Protein backbone atom coordinates (compact mmCIF):
# COMPACT_ATOMS: atom_id res chain seq x y z
CA MET A 1 -17.79 61.31 -116.20
CA LEU A 2 -16.09 58.61 -114.11
CA ARG A 3 -13.93 61.10 -112.49
CA GLY A 4 -16.86 63.03 -111.25
CA TYR A 5 -18.31 59.95 -109.37
CA ARG A 6 -14.82 58.81 -108.27
CA ARG A 7 -15.09 60.02 -104.48
CA VAL A 8 -18.72 58.82 -104.30
CA ILE A 9 -17.71 55.19 -105.49
CA LEU A 10 -14.72 55.28 -103.20
CA ALA A 11 -17.07 56.33 -100.28
CA ALA A 12 -19.69 53.56 -101.24
CA LEU A 13 -16.89 50.92 -101.42
CA GLY A 14 -15.56 52.13 -97.87
CA CYS A 15 -19.09 51.75 -96.32
CA LEU A 16 -19.48 48.23 -97.92
CA ILE A 17 -16.15 47.16 -96.69
CA LEU A 18 -17.02 48.58 -93.19
CA CYS A 19 -20.49 47.01 -93.21
CA GLY A 20 -19.06 43.60 -94.41
CA ALA A 21 -16.06 43.51 -92.11
CA LYS A 22 -17.70 41.64 -88.97
CA PRO A 23 -16.02 42.23 -85.63
CA PRO A 24 -14.46 39.38 -84.11
CA THR A 25 -15.93 37.98 -80.93
CA GLU A 26 -12.98 36.17 -79.68
CA GLN A 27 -9.41 37.22 -80.10
CA GLY A 28 -8.34 33.66 -80.62
CA ASP A 29 -10.60 33.12 -83.78
CA GLY A 30 -9.51 36.64 -85.10
CA GLY A 31 -5.97 35.76 -84.92
CA LYS A 32 -6.65 32.38 -86.63
CA ARG A 33 -8.32 34.13 -89.44
CA ALA A 34 -5.54 36.71 -89.57
CA ARG A 35 -3.05 33.93 -89.71
CA SER A 36 -5.12 32.16 -92.42
CA THR A 37 -5.54 35.14 -94.49
CA ALA A 38 -2.15 36.78 -94.12
CA PRO A 39 0.19 36.39 -96.70
CA ALA A 40 3.18 34.41 -96.24
CA PRO A 41 6.35 36.51 -95.06
CA GLN A 42 8.71 37.26 -97.63
CA ASN A 43 12.35 36.45 -97.46
CA PRO A 44 14.27 39.46 -97.14
CA ALA A 45 17.12 38.00 -99.27
CA THR A 46 14.72 37.26 -102.13
CA PRO A 47 14.04 40.69 -104.20
CA SER A 48 10.11 41.37 -103.96
CA PRO A 49 8.62 41.83 -107.48
CA THR A 50 7.73 45.42 -108.50
CA PRO A 51 4.43 46.24 -107.16
CA SER A 52 1.41 46.73 -109.85
CA ALA A 53 -0.86 49.62 -110.03
CA THR A 54 -3.54 47.71 -107.90
CA GLN A 55 -1.33 47.06 -105.12
CA ALA A 56 -0.09 50.39 -105.02
CA ALA A 57 -3.69 51.74 -104.66
CA GLN A 58 -4.36 49.28 -101.49
CA PHE A 59 -3.73 50.64 -98.01
CA SER A 60 -1.60 48.25 -96.00
CA PRO A 61 -0.15 49.67 -92.62
CA TYR A 62 2.65 47.60 -91.37
CA SER A 63 2.85 45.34 -94.20
CA GLY A 64 5.77 43.41 -92.58
CA TYR A 65 3.54 42.51 -89.35
CA ASN A 66 -0.17 41.62 -89.69
CA PRO A 67 -1.31 39.33 -86.79
CA ASP A 68 -4.79 40.85 -86.57
CA PRO A 69 -7.58 41.26 -89.01
CA CYS A 70 -7.86 45.09 -88.01
CA TYR A 71 -4.77 45.58 -89.95
CA HIS A 72 -6.59 44.70 -93.44
CA ALA A 73 -8.67 47.69 -92.91
CA LYS A 74 -8.54 50.17 -96.03
CA ASP A 75 -7.50 53.32 -94.04
CA HIS A 76 -6.66 54.39 -90.52
CA ASP A 77 -10.46 55.15 -89.56
CA ALA A 78 -11.36 51.58 -90.28
CA ALA A 79 -8.36 50.17 -88.41
CA ASP A 80 -9.14 52.73 -85.37
CA LEU A 81 -12.84 51.54 -85.40
CA CYS A 82 -11.92 47.90 -85.44
CA ALA A 83 -9.40 48.58 -82.54
CA GLN A 84 -12.06 50.41 -80.70
CA TRP A 85 -14.54 47.48 -81.18
CA ARG A 86 -12.14 45.00 -80.19
CA ALA A 87 -11.17 47.03 -77.05
CA SER A 88 -14.89 47.38 -76.16
CA ILE A 89 -15.32 43.47 -76.69
CA ALA A 90 -12.21 42.90 -74.64
CA ALA A 91 -13.60 45.27 -71.91
CA GLU A 92 -16.77 43.35 -71.85
CA LYS A 93 -15.11 40.26 -71.70
CA ALA A 94 -12.92 41.70 -68.86
CA ALA A 95 -16.06 42.87 -67.07
CA HIS A 96 -17.55 39.48 -67.46
CA GLU A 97 -14.58 37.79 -66.18
CA ALA A 98 -14.38 40.41 -63.31
CA ARG A 99 -18.01 39.67 -62.36
CA ARG A 100 -17.54 35.85 -62.61
CA SER A 101 -14.40 36.30 -60.60
CA THR A 102 -16.15 38.52 -58.02
CA LEU A 103 -19.04 35.74 -57.97
CA TRP A 104 -16.71 33.12 -57.48
CA SER A 105 -14.81 35.27 -54.89
CA ILE A 106 -18.18 35.85 -53.08
CA ILE A 107 -19.09 32.00 -53.17
CA ALA A 108 -15.27 31.40 -51.93
CA THR A 109 -15.95 33.87 -49.30
CA PHE A 110 -19.27 32.17 -48.36
CA LEU A 111 -17.68 28.75 -48.49
CA SER A 112 -14.63 30.05 -46.49
CA ALA A 113 -17.22 31.62 -43.79
CA ALA A 114 -19.15 28.40 -43.76
CA THR A 115 -15.91 26.53 -43.16
CA VAL A 116 -14.94 28.91 -40.49
CA VAL A 117 -18.31 28.49 -39.02
CA GLY A 118 -18.22 24.62 -39.26
CA LEU A 119 -14.75 24.81 -37.84
CA ILE A 120 -16.03 26.85 -34.75
CA VAL A 121 -18.89 24.53 -34.51
CA THR A 122 -16.65 21.54 -34.56
CA ILE A 123 -14.23 23.30 -31.96
CA TRP A 124 -17.26 24.08 -29.90
CA GLN A 125 -18.54 20.42 -30.22
CA THR A 126 -15.09 19.25 -29.40
CA TYR A 127 -14.90 21.49 -26.41
CA GLY A 128 -18.27 20.14 -25.20
CA ALA A 129 -17.27 16.63 -25.88
CA LEU A 130 -14.10 17.31 -23.93
CA GLY A 131 -16.32 18.85 -21.19
CA GLU A 132 -18.44 15.71 -21.31
CA ALA A 133 -15.54 13.38 -21.21
CA ARG A 134 -14.00 15.27 -18.23
CA ARG A 135 -17.30 15.43 -16.20
CA GLY A 136 -17.82 11.60 -17.18
CA ASN A 137 -14.17 10.83 -15.82
CA VAL A 138 -14.95 12.97 -12.77
CA LEU A 139 -18.08 10.85 -12.23
CA ALA A 140 -16.43 7.47 -12.93
CA MET A 141 -13.67 8.57 -10.54
CA ARG A 142 -16.44 9.47 -7.67
CA GLU A 143 -18.32 6.31 -8.49
CA ASN A 144 -15.03 4.35 -8.17
CA ALA A 145 -14.08 6.15 -5.04
CA ARG A 146 -17.66 5.48 -3.82
CA SER A 147 -17.39 1.91 -4.86
CA THR A 148 -14.29 1.58 -2.95
CA ARG A 149 -15.50 3.04 0.07
CA ARG A 150 -18.59 0.62 -0.15
CA ALA A 151 -16.22 -2.18 -0.63
CA VAL A 152 -14.09 -1.24 2.31
CA ALA A 153 -17.18 -0.70 4.35
CA GLY A 154 -18.76 -4.01 3.11
CA ALA A 155 -15.30 -5.68 4.03
CA ALA A 156 -15.67 -4.27 7.52
CA GLU A 157 -19.26 -5.33 7.79
CA THR A 158 -18.13 -8.72 6.76
CA ALA A 159 -15.06 -8.75 8.99
CA LYS A 160 -17.56 -7.65 11.87
CA ALA A 161 -20.12 -10.18 10.86
CA LEU A 162 -17.47 -12.82 10.65
CA ARG A 163 -16.34 -11.84 14.25
CA TYR A 164 -19.88 -11.85 15.41
CA ALA A 165 -20.41 -15.31 13.91
CA LYS A 166 -17.10 -16.50 15.49
CA GLU A 167 -18.38 -15.17 18.94
CA ASN A 168 -21.76 -16.80 18.45
CA ALA A 169 -20.23 -20.08 17.52
CA LYS A 170 -17.98 -19.75 20.49
CA ALA A 171 -21.15 -18.96 22.57
CA ALA A 172 -23.05 -21.91 20.95
CA ALA A 173 -20.08 -24.19 21.55
CA ALA A 174 -19.90 -22.89 25.19
CA GLN A 175 -24.01 -23.34 25.62
CA VAL A 176 -23.74 -26.61 24.26
CA GLU A 177 -20.89 -27.31 26.60
CA VAL A 178 -23.26 -25.96 29.42
CA PHE A 179 -25.83 -27.88 28.25
CA GLN A 180 -23.78 -31.11 28.24
CA LYS A 181 -22.27 -30.43 31.64
CA ALA A 182 -25.84 -29.44 32.77
CA SER A 183 -27.07 -32.87 31.37
CA LEU A 184 -24.28 -34.75 33.02
CA ASN A 185 -24.74 -32.98 36.11
CA GLU A 186 -28.17 -33.72 36.06
CA ILE A 187 -27.82 -37.61 35.96
CA ARG A 188 -24.54 -37.73 37.90
CA ALA A 189 -24.19 -38.87 41.46
CA TYR A 190 -24.39 -36.74 44.41
CA VAL A 191 -23.29 -38.20 47.58
CA THR A 192 -23.64 -35.90 50.85
CA VAL A 193 -24.11 -36.50 54.76
CA ASN A 194 -27.19 -36.51 56.69
CA PHE A 195 -27.27 -36.13 60.49
CA ARG A 196 -29.69 -38.03 62.50
CA GLY A 197 -30.43 -38.66 66.06
CA GLN A 198 -28.91 -36.92 68.96
CA TRP A 199 -25.21 -36.35 69.89
CA GLY A 200 -23.70 -38.04 72.93
CA GLY A 201 -20.98 -36.59 75.45
CA GLY A 202 -20.92 -34.54 78.48
CA ILE A 203 -21.57 -30.89 78.87
CA ASP A 204 -20.85 -28.61 81.90
CA GLY A 205 -17.28 -30.22 82.89
CA SER A 206 -17.71 -33.49 81.25
CA ASP A 207 -14.79 -34.85 79.60
CA LEU A 208 -16.82 -37.17 77.43
CA PRO A 209 -16.02 -36.51 73.60
CA LEU A 210 -18.90 -35.48 71.37
CA PHE A 211 -20.42 -38.20 69.21
CA GLN A 212 -22.89 -37.76 65.93
CA LYS A 213 -24.43 -40.16 64.27
CA ILE A 214 -23.89 -39.75 60.20
CA THR A 215 -25.71 -41.27 57.19
CA LEU A 216 -24.32 -41.07 53.48
CA ALA A 217 -27.11 -40.51 50.79
CA ASN A 218 -26.85 -40.32 46.82
CA TYR A 219 -29.26 -37.68 45.72
CA GLY A 220 -28.27 -38.15 42.01
CA LYS A 221 -29.71 -40.16 39.28
CA THR A 222 -26.80 -42.54 38.72
CA PRO A 223 -24.96 -44.85 41.39
CA ALA A 224 -21.66 -43.91 43.04
CA LYS A 225 -18.96 -46.53 43.59
CA ASP A 226 -15.82 -46.68 45.48
CA VAL A 227 -17.09 -44.63 48.28
CA SER A 228 -15.01 -43.49 51.11
CA TRP A 229 -15.07 -40.51 53.41
CA ARG A 230 -13.48 -38.78 56.13
CA ARG A 231 -14.81 -36.59 59.06
CA MET A 232 -14.05 -34.66 62.15
CA ILE A 233 -15.48 -32.80 65.08
CA ASP A 234 -13.83 -29.87 66.51
CA VAL A 235 -14.15 -26.39 68.04
CA LEU A 236 -12.93 -23.80 65.45
CA ALA A 237 -13.23 -20.12 65.16
CA TYR A 238 -16.37 -18.44 63.83
CA PRO A 239 -16.77 -17.77 60.97
CA PRO A 240 -14.61 -20.85 59.87
CA PRO A 241 -10.88 -20.54 58.61
CA ALA A 242 -10.03 -20.87 55.17
CA ASP A 243 -7.91 -23.90 55.86
CA LEU A 244 -9.57 -26.44 57.95
CA PRO A 245 -7.37 -28.81 59.99
CA ASP A 246 -6.07 -32.07 58.30
CA ILE A 247 -8.27 -35.05 58.83
CA PRO A 248 -5.77 -38.06 59.68
CA GLU A 249 -8.21 -40.77 59.20
CA GLU A 250 -10.23 -41.97 55.96
CA ILE A 251 -12.94 -44.47 56.48
CA PRO A 252 -14.18 -46.76 53.76
CA ALA A 253 -17.98 -46.86 53.39
CA GLN A 254 -19.83 -49.84 54.59
CA LYS A 255 -20.92 -50.55 50.90
CA THR A 256 -18.70 -49.36 47.97
CA VAL A 257 -21.81 -48.58 45.76
CA ILE A 258 -24.61 -46.26 46.85
CA TRP A 259 -27.51 -46.26 44.54
CA PRO A 260 -29.60 -43.32 43.73
CA LEU A 261 -31.98 -42.17 46.66
CA GLU A 262 -29.98 -44.75 48.92
CA ARG A 263 -29.23 -43.90 52.35
CA LEU A 264 -26.24 -45.63 53.99
CA ASP A 265 -25.74 -45.50 57.79
CA GLN A 266 -21.99 -44.94 58.66
CA GLY A 267 -22.40 -45.16 62.23
CA GLY A 268 -21.25 -41.85 63.63
CA ALA A 269 -18.52 -39.15 63.94
CA LYS A 270 -16.67 -38.76 67.13
CA ALA A 271 -14.47 -35.82 68.31
CA GLN A 272 -10.84 -36.37 68.56
CA ARG A 273 -10.61 -34.92 71.94
CA ALA A 274 -13.09 -33.92 74.98
CA PHE A 275 -13.93 -30.11 74.96
CA THR A 276 -13.75 -28.24 78.10
CA ALA A 277 -16.79 -26.91 79.59
CA ASP A 278 -15.62 -23.31 78.67
CA GLU A 279 -15.23 -24.20 74.98
CA LEU A 280 -18.74 -25.62 75.03
CA ARG A 281 -20.27 -22.60 76.59
CA GLU A 282 -18.54 -20.18 74.14
CA SER A 283 -19.43 -22.20 71.10
CA LEU A 284 -23.06 -22.31 72.06
CA GLN A 285 -23.52 -18.53 72.89
CA SER A 286 -25.00 -16.33 69.76
CA ASP A 287 -22.34 -13.87 70.35
CA GLY A 288 -19.54 -16.26 70.87
CA THR A 289 -16.48 -16.35 68.93
CA THR A 290 -16.07 -20.02 68.25
CA ARG A 291 -18.36 -22.87 67.11
CA ILE A 292 -18.61 -26.52 67.13
CA TYR A 293 -18.00 -27.82 63.68
CA ILE A 294 -18.37 -31.26 61.91
CA PHE A 295 -16.58 -31.24 58.60
CA GLY A 296 -15.04 -33.98 56.15
CA GLU A 297 -14.76 -35.03 52.39
CA ILE A 298 -16.60 -37.86 50.73
CA ASP A 299 -14.58 -39.40 47.58
CA TYR A 300 -16.46 -41.53 45.13
CA ILE A 301 -16.61 -42.35 41.38
CA ASP A 302 -19.68 -41.61 39.05
CA TYR A 303 -20.93 -43.55 36.14
CA LEU A 304 -18.61 -41.81 33.77
CA GLU A 305 -15.43 -43.09 35.86
CA GLN A 306 -14.99 -39.58 36.91
CA PRO A 307 -13.49 -39.05 40.35
CA ARG A 308 -15.73 -36.85 42.48
CA THR A 309 -15.48 -35.21 45.89
CA THR A 310 -18.07 -33.69 48.20
CA THR A 311 -16.85 -31.41 51.02
CA PHE A 312 -19.13 -30.64 53.87
CA CYS A 313 -18.73 -28.26 57.05
CA ASN A 314 -21.45 -27.91 59.42
CA PHE A 315 -21.78 -26.14 62.94
CA ILE A 316 -24.16 -26.13 65.84
CA GLU A 317 -26.42 -23.03 65.45
CA PRO A 318 -26.59 -21.59 69.19
CA THR A 319 -30.10 -20.36 68.48
CA SER A 320 -31.45 -23.97 67.63
CA VAL A 321 -30.11 -25.44 70.85
CA ALA A 322 -33.04 -26.36 73.29
CA ARG A 323 -32.19 -27.32 77.01
CA ASP A 324 -34.15 -29.13 79.65
CA PRO A 325 -34.92 -27.56 83.02
CA LEU A 326 -31.58 -28.70 84.26
CA GLY A 327 -29.77 -26.91 81.54
CA ASN A 328 -28.86 -29.80 79.71
CA ILE A 329 -29.03 -29.71 75.89
CA GLN A 330 -31.98 -31.54 74.31
CA THR A 331 -32.01 -30.80 70.55
CA PHE A 332 -29.91 -28.59 68.21
CA THR A 333 -29.44 -28.19 64.52
CA TRP A 334 -26.38 -28.51 62.39
CA ALA A 335 -26.26 -25.63 59.86
CA PRO A 336 -24.02 -25.46 56.93
CA SER A 337 -21.48 -22.79 56.91
CA ASP A 338 -20.87 -20.35 54.13
CA ALA A 339 -17.49 -22.20 53.05
CA HIS A 340 -16.30 -25.57 52.48
CA ASN A 341 -19.61 -26.90 51.26
CA HIS A 342 -19.40 -28.01 47.57
CA PHE A 343 -19.41 -30.76 45.07
CA THR A 344 -16.97 -31.56 42.46
């Protein structure tokens, strides 16, 4: 009776074994269990005992090598099913790792892209910063050049202003000197000659020398001292020559000091020789080439102890001569010549 149910019992036992065999989720744990449940390797030198009837009935492929639990299966079908299950688990893990690797690859790609973008942005900003720095350098150079030009122009303007200031200072000093001289000239002594009365002497063949009364006068505001003078009457060319004849005689004034607005009678001046009638007629004609001159110098010292000289040169103006019915000269005027009349 037991023999009739033998196959059914073996099939049920195989199902129970297959149902009870849990497929391993990780190869490391299965290998650990396999190592923990696997019998210790037998020493080939030690003779193995004679297998019993139960060990002969158990299926154990590759009994000398048993690293995986699938080798504990009772038959080849169970071993194949276990191997296929382990292969599917390995494929699922491989797919999971591949998906995770792909995900990390995508993330790394995005990170690389972001890094590249950041690098591009950094390069662009660096290029922009270099451009701004270059433009700043150009602007700074232009500003420095402009400042240099302004400084040069300012220096030129300063030099021009200094030159103008120097010229103004010179002009002011000259003006002060002019004012000083003007003030000094305003109050200094001015001694000159005045002609008074009529002349004496013959005309029309007379051999008497000419004579003219003279007065010295001080028209300044301070006195003149140590006054002396020289004079001469002569017939000279008209206009007068540049160099007048030398006056041989110097006559001291009757007073050594002439006060302001004082007139000092000095007698008169007499010609050195008698003029001929022809000389007198020629000199008294308007179109004549000669004139009768009275000329000389007055020397004196002013209040500043400065030596002064007054030169005078006058001639008888022919148009001013008045005659009587007999042709004798009654009046005339001494006119100053254009030269030899000045104060020093």
